[in-house]
Amino acid sequence: MDGEVFNNFGYPCNVMVLSLEGVDQAMLNKNLILTDKFINNGVKFPVDYKKSMFRMVDINTCLMFYRDWIMEENYLRTDSTWFTYCAAHKTLVTTVALNLPHNKKSFMEVYGEKEGADFYDTFCKNYFALAGEDFTAELETDFEPLWKKEGLTPKQIKPFDIAEYLAYDAARRNGTVDSYTGFKPLKPTQATLWGPQSSADIIYCFVEAYGDFIDAGAIVSCAAVMGFGTALSPRMDIGLPEYTKQAMPVLNMLMHAHAKVYAAQKQAAAYKESAYYTQTYEQLYMAYGGTQENLAASLTNLAKIESFSGNEDALMAFVLQNKLMSEYLAYATLQEVRLNWAALMAEPSLTLENAYQWFREIANQSFLNAEDYLVKSAKGVQYNTPPAIGHMVEAGLHPKNPLVRIQSVCTVMNYTELEAKAVS
């Protein structure tokens, strides 16, 4: 809301309390307000937040941003890859506020004796320009920051300078970070309230909420994962074939779990003789964009696709030449079912719940690999923080730092939306 009566843009909002173990709440609130006051002054919002780079994922980069923002470094105001949308903005504020008490000693400890002292003097000068009053001792904050509570050292949390950051980022995107000898940041989960989401996390959360294995079924889950490809492959700048390659192991295991429930109910010595296999292929074909009128022809095309077994290059050339992507995706998704057919026929059927548990256990490594997938393109987005991140953390849907607590306390209502209630 911007203060105008009846203007409900952005309405309503929830108030959440952020607490740090062992720190007075009023002191932490004061530090959060100070941090927010500066970072919010002149904030730069990306044109398309869904493609925002979101670079501030670790404490070293966040502390660099805070210093350089107050020092009015040009790159933060001219390079759109540093602009922040709402959730990214508050993630940045939270990381800085949990780790940087606003007093000269703390600034020197974090930023170095001389640079920290100079930065603190600039902070005080800019505070007067921003707030219209001197930054006096009464306005200072002092507490044990999160990085100290975690046993980290000033050397480990050292803020980047921009040249160091760009060199590290280039090594990360080139896949040479393991041999890189320059300064490297801490992990995104160290000295932060929460880590960022990867593209794999976004998909996982969506599928769990709207297309899960038990309620929606494995076919819908597979369609949802592949449906994300049209949005995420350009966002990550990797192309749809690469996205499909990364997603396919998870799809294979989804359908393997599905077969553990249904395939054994329709016994067949070979998968080609199984009504389950044919029916499941047809359902996947339709889920991947196939049409009812071409369904019969797709079965003929399936036989042709299977004839290329072991020759992936020739198969893809055939698929692309004949525009058989829906057939190919359905066929590829059932790979683990084909490979494990004999075992599926020999085992008893599982319940949906047990099959889903099996899937989650067996697919865990594939999800971890997908989370760590390296976006190499300078235009590609590696990380994200969703608008609902605070609520997700509070509800246990996203991991958080055990030393920090976040809790919703109320919803803010505009008085124009309230009606007086008579009391009898």
Foldseek 3Di string as FASTA:
>chain_A
DPPDPPDQVVDWDFDKQKDFPPDDRVLLVLLLCLLCLQCVVVAAAAPDQVLAQLPPLFLQALVQCSLCSLVVPPCCVPPRNNGDDDQSSVQSSQLCSLAAWLDQVRQCQQANPPVSNVSSVSSQVVCCVRPVDGCDPVSTHDDHGQLVVVVHGSVQSHHDHPVLVVVCVLCLLVVNNVVDPGDDHDASAHSGFAGFFFPLLVLVVCCVVPPDCPPNRLLSSVLSQLVCLVVQCVSLVPDSVVSCVLCQVLLLLSVVLVLLAPVLVQDDPALVPTPVNLVQLLSQLVSNPHDPVCSVVLVVVLVVLVVCPPPVVVSVVVCVVVVPVSSVSSNSSNVNCRVCVVVSNVDHRDDSVVSSVVSCVVCVVSSVCSLSDRRNDPSHHGTHQDPCNLVCCQVVVGPTDPSMDMGTDGMDDDPSPDDDDDDD
